N, C-alpha and C. Protein backbone atom coordinates (compact mmCIF):
# COMPACT_ATOMS: atom_id res chain seq x y z
N MET A 1 -7.97 16.52 -6.96
CA MET A 1 -8.82 17.67 -6.74
C MET A 1 -9.02 18.38 -8.08
N ILE A 2 -10.25 18.64 -8.41
CA ILE A 2 -10.58 19.32 -9.66
C ILE A 2 -10.26 20.80 -9.49
N ASP A 3 -9.62 21.40 -10.52
CA ASP A 3 -9.28 22.82 -10.43
C ASP A 3 -10.52 23.69 -10.61
N CYS A 4 -10.71 24.59 -9.68
CA CYS A 4 -11.77 25.60 -9.78
C CYS A 4 -11.41 26.70 -8.79
N PRO A 5 -11.99 27.87 -8.91
CA PRO A 5 -11.63 28.97 -8.01
C PRO A 5 -11.80 28.63 -6.53
N TYR A 6 -12.82 27.84 -6.20
CA TYR A 6 -13.04 27.47 -4.81
C TYR A 6 -11.85 26.67 -4.27
N ASN A 7 -11.33 25.74 -5.06
CA ASN A 7 -10.19 24.94 -4.61
C ASN A 7 -8.96 25.80 -4.38
N GLU A 8 -8.74 26.80 -5.21
CA GLU A 8 -7.63 27.72 -5.00
C GLU A 8 -7.81 28.48 -3.69
N TYR A 9 -9.03 28.86 -3.38
CA TYR A 9 -9.32 29.55 -2.12
C TYR A 9 -9.00 28.65 -0.93
N VAL A 10 -9.43 27.39 -1.00
CA VAL A 10 -9.15 26.44 0.08
C VAL A 10 -7.65 26.25 0.23
N ARG A 11 -6.92 26.09 -0.86
CA ARG A 11 -5.46 25.92 -0.78
C ARG A 11 -4.80 27.15 -0.17
N SER A 12 -5.28 28.35 -0.48
CA SER A 12 -4.67 29.56 0.08
C SER A 12 -4.92 29.64 1.58
N LEU A 13 -6.09 29.20 2.05
CA LEU A 13 -6.36 29.18 3.48
C LEU A 13 -5.44 28.20 4.19
N ARG A 14 -5.26 27.03 3.62
CA ARG A 14 -4.41 26.03 4.23
C ARG A 14 -2.95 26.49 4.27
N ALA A 15 -2.54 27.33 3.34
CA ALA A 15 -1.17 27.81 3.31
C ALA A 15 -0.85 28.72 4.49
N GLN A 16 -1.86 29.19 5.21
CA GLN A 16 -1.64 30.07 6.36
C GLN A 16 -1.14 29.30 7.58
N TYR A 17 -1.17 27.99 7.53
CA TYR A 17 -0.82 27.16 8.68
C TYR A 17 0.55 26.51 8.49
N ARG A 18 1.20 26.22 9.61
CA ARG A 18 2.41 25.41 9.61
C ARG A 18 2.37 24.55 10.86
N ILE A 19 3.23 23.57 10.90
CA ILE A 19 3.27 22.63 12.02
C ILE A 19 4.63 22.69 12.67
N THR A 20 4.65 22.68 14.00
CA THR A 20 5.88 22.50 14.76
C THR A 20 5.67 21.29 15.67
N ILE A 21 6.62 20.38 15.63
CA ILE A 21 6.57 19.20 16.49
C ILE A 21 7.74 19.27 17.46
N ASN A 22 7.43 19.25 18.74
CA ASN A 22 8.46 19.24 19.77
C ASN A 22 8.60 17.80 20.25
N VAL A 23 9.69 17.15 19.84
CA VAL A 23 9.91 15.74 20.16
C VAL A 23 10.00 15.53 21.67
N LYS A 24 10.73 16.39 22.36
CA LYS A 24 10.90 16.23 23.81
C LYS A 24 9.55 16.34 24.53
N GLU A 25 8.74 17.30 24.12
CA GLU A 25 7.43 17.50 24.75
C GLU A 25 6.40 16.48 24.26
N LYS A 26 6.69 15.83 23.12
CA LYS A 26 5.74 14.89 22.49
C LYS A 26 4.42 15.59 22.19
N HIS A 27 4.56 16.75 21.54
CA HIS A 27 3.39 17.52 21.13
C HIS A 27 3.58 18.06 19.72
N LEU A 28 2.49 18.10 19.00
CA LEU A 28 2.42 18.73 17.69
C LEU A 28 1.61 20.00 17.84
N TYR A 29 2.16 21.10 17.34
CA TYR A 29 1.50 22.40 17.42
C TYR A 29 1.13 22.86 16.01
N LEU A 30 -0.13 23.19 15.82
CA LEU A 30 -0.58 23.80 14.58
C LEU A 30 -0.49 25.30 14.78
N ILE A 31 0.30 25.95 13.94
CA ILE A 31 0.60 27.37 14.09
C ILE A 31 -0.17 28.15 13.01
N ARG A 32 -0.84 29.21 13.45
CA ARG A 32 -1.52 30.12 12.52
C ARG A 32 -1.13 31.53 12.90
N ASP A 33 -0.66 32.29 11.92
CA ASP A 33 -0.25 33.68 12.15
C ASP A 33 0.77 33.79 13.28
N GLY A 34 1.70 32.82 13.35
CA GLY A 34 2.78 32.86 14.32
C GLY A 34 2.39 32.47 15.74
N LYS A 35 1.14 32.03 15.94
CA LYS A 35 0.67 31.67 17.28
C LYS A 35 0.14 30.24 17.27
N ILE A 36 0.22 29.59 18.42
CA ILE A 36 -0.33 28.24 18.53
C ILE A 36 -1.84 28.32 18.39
N PHE A 37 -2.35 27.62 17.39
CA PHE A 37 -3.78 27.56 17.12
C PHE A 37 -4.39 26.31 17.75
N LYS A 38 -3.68 25.19 17.64
CA LYS A 38 -4.11 23.93 18.24
C LYS A 38 -2.88 23.15 18.67
N SER A 39 -3.08 22.25 19.63
CA SER A 39 -2.01 21.42 20.15
C SER A 39 -2.52 20.00 20.30
N TYR A 40 -1.68 19.03 19.93
CA TYR A 40 -2.07 17.63 20.00
C TYR A 40 -0.94 16.80 20.62
N PRO A 41 -1.25 15.87 21.52
CA PRO A 41 -0.23 14.95 22.01
C PRO A 41 0.12 13.95 20.91
N VAL A 42 1.39 13.53 20.87
CA VAL A 42 1.84 12.60 19.83
C VAL A 42 2.79 11.57 20.43
N ALA A 43 3.04 10.52 19.67
CA ALA A 43 4.13 9.59 19.94
C ALA A 43 5.24 9.91 18.95
N VAL A 44 6.47 9.67 19.37
CA VAL A 44 7.63 9.97 18.53
C VAL A 44 8.52 8.74 18.44
N GLY A 45 9.61 8.88 17.71
CA GLY A 45 10.54 7.77 17.50
C GLY A 45 11.23 7.33 18.77
N LYS A 46 11.48 6.03 18.84
CA LYS A 46 12.23 5.47 19.97
C LYS A 46 13.72 5.80 19.79
N PRO A 47 14.52 5.67 20.84
CA PRO A 47 15.95 6.02 20.73
C PRO A 47 16.68 5.31 19.59
N ALA A 48 16.34 4.07 19.31
CA ALA A 48 17.01 3.33 18.23
C ALA A 48 16.59 3.80 16.84
N SER A 49 15.44 4.46 16.74
CA SER A 49 14.95 4.98 15.45
C SER A 49 14.29 6.33 15.70
N PRO A 50 15.09 7.36 15.98
CA PRO A 50 14.54 8.65 16.39
C PRO A 50 13.80 9.38 15.27
N THR A 51 12.91 10.25 15.69
CA THR A 51 12.23 11.14 14.75
C THR A 51 13.26 12.13 14.21
N PRO A 52 13.32 12.30 12.88
CA PRO A 52 14.30 13.24 12.32
C PRO A 52 13.95 14.67 12.68
N LYS A 53 14.97 15.46 12.95
CA LYS A 53 14.76 16.88 13.25
C LYS A 53 15.13 17.70 12.03
N GLY A 54 14.43 18.82 11.86
CA GLY A 54 14.67 19.69 10.73
C GLY A 54 13.38 20.29 10.23
N THR A 55 13.46 20.94 9.09
CA THR A 55 12.29 21.55 8.47
C THR A 55 11.97 20.81 7.19
N PHE A 56 10.74 20.35 7.09
CA PHE A 56 10.29 19.54 5.96
C PHE A 56 8.98 20.11 5.45
N LYS A 57 8.45 19.47 4.42
CA LYS A 57 7.11 19.79 3.91
C LYS A 57 6.32 18.51 3.77
N ILE A 58 5.02 18.65 3.88
CA ILE A 58 4.14 17.52 3.58
C ILE A 58 4.20 17.32 2.07
N GLU A 59 4.52 16.09 1.64
CA GLU A 59 4.63 15.84 0.20
C GLU A 59 3.55 14.93 -0.34
N ASN A 60 2.85 14.20 0.52
CA ASN A 60 1.74 13.38 0.04
C ASN A 60 0.79 13.10 1.18
N VAL A 61 -0.43 12.76 0.83
CA VAL A 61 -1.48 12.48 1.80
C VAL A 61 -2.12 11.15 1.46
N GLY A 62 -2.23 10.28 2.45
CA GLY A 62 -2.92 9.01 2.27
C GLY A 62 -4.20 9.01 3.09
N ILE A 63 -5.28 8.61 2.46
CA ILE A 63 -6.58 8.55 3.12
C ILE A 63 -6.88 7.09 3.44
N ASN A 64 -7.13 6.82 4.71
CA ASN A 64 -7.40 5.47 5.21
C ASN A 64 -6.35 4.45 4.79
N PRO A 65 -5.07 4.72 5.11
CA PRO A 65 -4.04 3.74 4.76
C PRO A 65 -4.15 2.46 5.59
N GLY A 66 -4.84 2.54 6.73
CA GLY A 66 -5.10 1.37 7.54
C GLY A 66 -3.92 0.89 8.35
N GLY A 67 -4.14 -0.22 9.05
CA GLY A 67 -3.09 -0.82 9.87
C GLY A 67 -2.51 0.15 10.86
N PRO A 68 -1.19 0.14 11.00
CA PRO A 68 -0.55 0.99 12.00
C PRO A 68 -0.62 2.48 11.67
N PHE A 69 -1.06 2.82 10.45
CA PHE A 69 -1.08 4.22 10.03
C PHE A 69 -2.43 4.90 10.27
N GLY A 70 -3.38 4.19 10.85
CA GLY A 70 -4.65 4.80 11.20
C GLY A 70 -5.43 5.32 10.01
N VAL A 71 -6.07 6.47 10.20
CA VAL A 71 -7.01 6.98 9.21
C VAL A 71 -6.41 7.98 8.22
N ARG A 72 -5.22 8.51 8.49
CA ARG A 72 -4.58 9.45 7.56
C ARG A 72 -3.07 9.29 7.66
N TRP A 73 -2.41 9.58 6.54
CA TRP A 73 -0.95 9.60 6.43
C TRP A 73 -0.56 10.92 5.79
N LEU A 74 0.33 11.66 6.42
CA LEU A 74 0.90 12.89 5.86
C LEU A 74 2.39 12.63 5.68
N GLY A 75 2.78 12.29 4.47
CA GLY A 75 4.18 11.96 4.19
C GLY A 75 5.04 13.20 4.15
N LEU A 76 6.23 13.12 4.75
CA LEU A 76 7.16 14.25 4.78
C LEU A 76 8.26 14.05 3.75
N ASP A 77 8.83 15.14 3.29
CA ASP A 77 9.89 15.09 2.27
C ASP A 77 11.28 14.94 2.90
N ALA A 78 11.37 14.29 4.05
CA ALA A 78 12.67 14.05 4.68
C ALA A 78 13.54 13.27 3.70
N PRO A 79 14.77 13.73 3.45
CA PRO A 79 15.59 13.14 2.39
C PRO A 79 16.22 11.80 2.75
N TYR A 80 16.15 11.37 3.97
CA TYR A 80 16.88 10.18 4.38
C TYR A 80 15.98 9.14 5.05
N GLY A 81 14.78 8.98 4.54
CA GLY A 81 13.88 7.97 5.09
C GLY A 81 12.45 8.23 4.69
N ASP A 82 11.58 7.33 5.08
CA ASP A 82 10.16 7.44 4.78
C ASP A 82 9.43 7.75 6.09
N TYR A 83 9.26 9.04 6.36
CA TYR A 83 8.68 9.48 7.61
C TYR A 83 7.39 10.24 7.34
N GLY A 84 6.49 10.19 8.33
CA GLY A 84 5.25 10.92 8.18
C GLY A 84 4.58 11.17 9.52
N ILE A 85 3.49 11.90 9.43
CA ILE A 85 2.59 12.13 10.55
C ILE A 85 1.37 11.29 10.23
N HIS A 86 0.95 10.44 11.17
CA HIS A 86 -0.17 9.56 10.85
C HIS A 86 -0.97 9.20 12.08
N GLY A 87 -2.15 8.67 11.84
CA GLY A 87 -2.97 8.13 12.91
C GLY A 87 -2.35 6.84 13.41
N THR A 88 -3.06 6.16 14.28
CA THR A 88 -2.52 4.91 14.81
C THR A 88 -3.63 3.94 15.16
N ASN A 89 -3.32 2.65 15.05
CA ASN A 89 -4.23 1.63 15.53
C ASN A 89 -3.88 1.22 16.97
N ASN A 90 -2.93 1.97 17.59
CA ASN A 90 -2.49 1.72 18.95
C ASN A 90 -2.55 3.02 19.75
N PRO A 91 -3.74 3.47 20.11
CA PRO A 91 -3.85 4.77 20.78
C PRO A 91 -3.09 4.86 22.10
N SER A 92 -2.81 3.74 22.74
CA SER A 92 -2.06 3.79 24.01
C SER A 92 -0.60 4.18 23.81
N SER A 93 -0.14 4.25 22.54
CA SER A 93 1.24 4.63 22.26
C SER A 93 1.46 6.14 22.32
N ILE A 94 0.40 6.91 22.29
CA ILE A 94 0.52 8.37 22.29
C ILE A 94 1.18 8.82 23.59
N GLY A 95 2.14 9.73 23.45
CA GLY A 95 2.87 10.24 24.60
C GLY A 95 4.15 9.47 24.89
N LYS A 96 4.47 8.52 24.02
CA LYS A 96 5.65 7.68 24.25
C LYS A 96 6.67 7.81 23.12
N GLU A 97 7.88 7.37 23.40
CA GLU A 97 8.93 7.23 22.38
C GLU A 97 8.86 5.78 21.92
N ILE A 98 8.12 5.53 20.83
CA ILE A 98 7.80 4.15 20.50
C ILE A 98 7.82 3.84 19.00
N SER A 99 7.78 4.85 18.15
CA SER A 99 7.66 4.61 16.71
C SER A 99 9.03 4.37 16.07
N ASN A 100 8.99 4.09 14.79
CA ASN A 100 10.23 3.95 14.01
C ASN A 100 10.67 5.29 13.42
N GLY A 101 10.26 6.38 14.04
CA GLY A 101 10.65 7.71 13.60
C GLY A 101 9.49 8.59 13.19
N CYS A 102 8.35 7.97 12.89
CA CYS A 102 7.17 8.75 12.50
C CYS A 102 6.53 9.42 13.71
N ILE A 103 5.64 10.34 13.42
CA ILE A 103 4.85 11.02 14.43
C ILE A 103 3.46 10.38 14.41
N ARG A 104 3.08 9.78 15.52
CA ARG A 104 1.76 9.16 15.64
C ARG A 104 0.81 10.09 16.37
N MET A 105 -0.43 10.10 15.89
CA MET A 105 -1.48 10.90 16.53
C MET A 105 -2.71 10.03 16.75
N GLN A 106 -3.55 10.43 17.70
CA GLN A 106 -4.86 9.80 17.81
C GLN A 106 -5.59 9.99 16.48
N ASN A 107 -6.36 9.02 16.06
CA ASN A 107 -7.08 9.15 14.78
C ASN A 107 -7.98 10.38 14.76
N ARG A 108 -8.66 10.65 15.87
CA ARG A 108 -9.55 11.83 15.89
C ARG A 108 -8.74 13.12 15.72
N ASP A 109 -7.50 13.14 16.26
CA ASP A 109 -6.68 14.34 16.16
C ASP A 109 -6.16 14.56 14.75
N ILE A 110 -5.73 13.50 14.07
CA ILE A 110 -5.24 13.71 12.71
C ILE A 110 -6.38 14.07 11.78
N LEU A 111 -7.59 13.57 12.04
CA LEU A 111 -8.74 13.98 11.24
C LEU A 111 -9.03 15.47 11.42
N ASP A 112 -8.78 15.99 12.61
CA ASP A 112 -8.94 17.42 12.84
C ASP A 112 -7.81 18.19 12.14
N LEU A 113 -6.57 17.71 12.28
CA LEU A 113 -5.42 18.39 11.69
C LEU A 113 -5.55 18.54 10.18
N VAL A 114 -6.02 17.52 9.50
CA VAL A 114 -6.08 17.59 8.03
C VAL A 114 -7.12 18.57 7.51
N LYS A 115 -7.92 19.12 8.38
CA LYS A 115 -8.82 20.20 7.97
C LYS A 115 -8.04 21.47 7.64
N TYR A 116 -6.80 21.57 8.17
CA TYR A 116 -6.03 22.80 8.07
C TYR A 116 -4.77 22.70 7.24
N VAL A 117 -4.28 21.50 6.98
CA VAL A 117 -3.01 21.35 6.28
C VAL A 117 -3.17 20.46 5.06
N TRP A 118 -2.19 20.58 4.15
CA TRP A 118 -2.23 19.81 2.92
C TRP A 118 -0.82 19.72 2.37
N VAL A 119 -0.69 19.16 1.20
CA VAL A 119 0.61 19.08 0.54
C VAL A 119 1.24 20.48 0.47
N GLY A 120 2.51 20.56 0.86
CA GLY A 120 3.21 21.85 0.85
C GLY A 120 3.31 22.52 2.19
N THR A 121 2.51 22.08 3.18
CA THR A 121 2.58 22.67 4.51
C THR A 121 3.96 22.43 5.12
N VAL A 122 4.53 23.45 5.72
CA VAL A 122 5.85 23.35 6.35
C VAL A 122 5.70 22.68 7.71
N VAL A 123 6.59 21.72 7.97
CA VAL A 123 6.63 20.98 9.23
C VAL A 123 8.03 21.12 9.83
N LYS A 124 8.11 21.76 10.99
CA LYS A 124 9.39 21.92 11.67
C LYS A 124 9.41 20.96 12.86
N ILE A 125 10.43 20.10 12.91
CA ILE A 125 10.57 19.15 14.01
C ILE A 125 11.79 19.54 14.81
N VAL A 126 11.57 19.81 16.10
CA VAL A 126 12.65 20.24 16.99
C VAL A 126 12.77 19.28 18.17
């Protein structure tokens, strides 16, 4: 991203958002000003490879990573693995405990989510 005043404005707007993922509910909540702004159904880790719980930040973004990662990848700074929030090439997996620990979203939903979040966004997984 080229530095200019407009980009700083966009980054400051995105900083107003955070994400909460409720593993039991299999939902991702986009929070703005302490209130649920949007909600998306997700797939989470299976019992043998559970989704890590804790507070993390988005540390990198992949555009069109393809394959099982769908149209976007939001990498988390979890210290003990390579976990992220991503689209999927298997939309029927949404709502299930099926991943290797990542959070899967419908491709249309992650495309909507990335309008509001970027590197540095806080992600709380409970």
